Amino acid sequence: MNKIVIEVMPKVEILDPQGKAILGALKRMGFNNFTEARQGKRFELTVDGEVTDEVLKAAHEAADKLLSNPVIEAVVNVSKMD
């Protein structure tokens, strides 16, 4: 079985309170090298058969229509999982 990975992130102009909380926790734990954190979503879709360009295009369309909220999120990656 082949898999497709879809990554969705908040748009840059949208505040990310979860990312801010993560950054604060990192700093409290002594991880001071990081200046920003943003939290997104990752989806894995299993494909019965080969992952073709057509299948990737369909996955991107599904991500745009169902897996993301286009008002506040952007689909940043749709790729075959190795």
C-alpha atoms as a PDB file:
ATOM      1  CA  MET A   1       0.000   0.000   0.000  1.00  0.00           C
ATOM      2  CA  ASN A   2       1.255   3.465  -0.897  1.00  0.00           C
ATOM      3  CA  LYS A   3       0.615   6.550   1.182  1.00  0.00           C
ATOM      4  CA  ILE A   4       0.247  10.246   0.547  1.00  0.00           C
ATOM      5  CA  VAL A   5       1.166  12.809   3.196  1.00  0.00           C
ATOM      6  CA  ILE A   6      -0.736  16.086   3.382  1.00  0.00           C
ATOM      7  CA  GLU A   7       0.481  18.932   5.593  1.00  0.00           C
ATOM      8  CA  VAL A   8      -1.754  21.855   6.522  1.00  0.00           C
ATOM      9  CA  MET A   9      -0.548  24.928   8.408  1.00  0.00           C
ATOM     10  CA  PRO A  10      -2.198  28.098   9.673  1.00  0.00           C
ATOM     11  CA  LYS A  11      -1.769  30.953   7.203  1.00  0.00           C
ATOM     12  CA  VAL A  12       1.104  33.282   8.119  1.00  0.00           C
ATOM     13  CA  GLU A  13      -1.242  36.165   8.914  1.00  0.00           C
ATOM     14  CA  ILE A  14      -3.295  34.041  11.339  1.00  0.00           C
ATOM     15  CA  LEU A  15      -2.341  34.014  15.019  1.00  0.00           C
ATOM     16  CA  ASP A  16      -1.258  30.585  16.249  1.00  0.00           C
ATOM     17  CA  PRO A  17      -1.913  30.342  20.023  1.00  0.00           C
ATOM     18  CA  GLN A  18      -0.850  26.677  20.106  1.00  0.00           C
ATOM     19  CA  GLY A  19       2.452  27.584  18.485  1.00  0.00           C
ATOM     20  CA  LYS A  20       2.993  30.359  21.046  1.00  0.00           C
ATOM     21  CA  ALA A  21       2.272  27.914  23.890  1.00  0.00           C
ATOM     22  CA  ILE A  22       4.734  25.408  22.403  1.00  0.00           C
ATOM     23  CA  LEU A  23       7.426  28.088  22.083  1.00  0.00           C
ATOM     24  CA  GLY A  24       6.865  29.158  25.689  1.00  0.00           C
ATOM     25  CA  ALA A  25       7.159  25.562  26.894  1.00  0.00           C
ATOM     26  CA  LEU A  26      10.326  25.030  24.874  1.00  0.00           C
ATOM     27  CA  LYS A  27      11.907  28.095  26.469  1.00  0.00           C
ATOM     28  CA  ARG A  28      10.870  26.993  29.980  1.00  0.00           C
ATOM     29  CA  MET A  29      12.492  23.627  29.311  1.00  0.00           C
ATOM     30  CA  GLY A  30      15.765  25.294  28.340  1.00  0.00           C
ATOM     31  CA  PHE A  31      15.439  25.025  24.556  1.00  0.00           C
ATOM     32  CA  ASN A  32      16.409  28.622  23.809  1.00  0.00           C
ATOM     33  CA  ASN A  33      17.559  28.194  20.211  1.00  0.00           C
ATOM     34  CA  PHE A  34      14.051  28.462  18.793  1.00  0.00           C
ATOM     35  CA  THR A  35      12.403  31.787  17.997  1.00  0.00           C
ATOM     36  CA  GLU A  36       9.059  30.666  16.577  1.00  0.00           C
ATOM     37  CA  ALA A  37       6.808  27.614  16.628  1.00  0.00           C
ATOM     38  CA  ARG A  38       3.689  26.948  14.598  1.00  0.00           C
ATOM     39  CA  GLN A  39       1.465  23.930  14.881  1.00  0.00           C
ATOM     40  CA  GLY A  40      -0.224  22.363  11.906  1.00  0.00           C
ATOM     41  CA  LYS A  41      -1.923  19.159  10.863  1.00  0.00           C
ATOM     42  CA  ARG A  42      -0.617  16.092   9.068  1.00  0.00           C
ATOM     43  CA  PHE A  43      -2.807  13.608   7.213  1.00  0.00           C
ATOM     44  CA  GLU A  44      -1.809  10.258   5.740  1.00  0.00           C
ATOM     45  CA  LEU A  45      -3.990   8.801   2.988  1.00  0.00           C
ATOM     46  CA  THR A  46      -3.501   5.209   1.858  1.00  0.00           C
ATOM     47  CA  VAL A  47      -3.756   4.594  -1.873  1.00  0.00           C
ATOM     48  CA  ASP A  48      -4.744   1.295  -3.426  1.00  0.00           C
ATOM     49  CA  GLY A  49      -2.292   1.239  -6.319  1.00  0.00           C
ATOM     50  CA  GLU A  50       0.377   3.579  -7.595  1.00  0.00           C
ATOM     51  CA  VAL A  51       0.623   7.210  -6.529  1.00  0.00           C
ATOM     52  CA  THR A  52       0.426   9.011  -9.853  1.00  0.00           C
ATOM     53  CA  ASP A  53       0.300  12.739 -10.583  1.00  0.00           C
ATOM     54  CA  GLU A  54      -3.462  12.354 -11.000  1.00  0.00           C
ATOM     55  CA  VAL A  55      -3.797  10.762  -7.547  1.00  0.00           C
ATOM     56  CA  LEU A  56      -1.667  13.524  -5.992  1.00  0.00           C
ATOM     57  CA  LYS A  57      -3.851  16.137  -7.701  1.00  0.00           C
ATOM     58  CA  ALA A  58      -6.979  14.464  -6.273  1.00  0.00           C
ATOM     59  CA  ALA A  59      -5.374  14.400  -2.806  1.00  0.00           C
ATOM     60  CA  HIS A  60      -4.612  18.117  -3.064  1.00  0.00           C
ATOM     61  CA  GLU A  61      -8.199  18.812  -4.082  1.00  0.00           C
ATOM     62  CA  ALA A  62      -9.458  16.759  -1.112  1.00  0.00           C
ATOM     63  CA  ALA A  63      -7.137  18.714   1.164  1.00  0.00           C
ATOM     64  CA  ASP A  64      -8.452  22.020  -0.163  1.00  0.00           C
ATOM     65  CA  LYS A  65     -12.112  20.983   0.143  1.00  0.00           C
ATOM     66  CA  LEU A  66     -12.162  18.842   3.291  1.00  0.00           C
ATOM     67  CA  LEU A  67      -8.917  18.624   5.247  1.00  0.00           C
ATOM     68  CA  SER A  68      -8.218  22.336   5.577  1.00  0.00           C
ATOM     69  CA  ASN A  69     -10.160  25.476   6.348  1.00  0.00           C
ATOM     70  CA  PRO A  70      -9.119  27.746   3.456  1.00  0.00           C
ATOM     71  CA  VAL A  71     -10.027  30.877   5.408  1.00  0.00           C
ATOM     72  CA  ILE A  72      -7.301  30.303   8.022  1.00  0.00           C
ATOM     73  CA  GLU A  73      -5.168  27.413   6.736  1.00  0.00           C
ATOM     74  CA  ALA A  74      -2.984  26.615   3.743  1.00  0.00           C
ATOM     75  CA  VAL A  75      -2.168  23.225   2.275  1.00  0.00           C
ATOM     76  CA  VAL A  76       1.628  23.400   2.279  1.00  0.00           C
ATOM     77  CA  ASN A  77       2.573  19.923   1.079  1.00  0.00           C
ATOM     78  CA  VAL A  78       1.034  16.963  -0.727  1.00  0.00           C
ATOM     79  CA  SER A  79       3.546  14.228  -1.472  1.00  0.00           C
ATOM     80  CA  LYS A  80       4.082  10.511  -1.725  1.00  0.00           C
ATOM     81  CA  MET A  81       5.342   8.976   1.491  1.00  0.00           C
ATOM     82  CA  ASP A  82       8.560   7.027   0.965  1.00  0.00           C
END
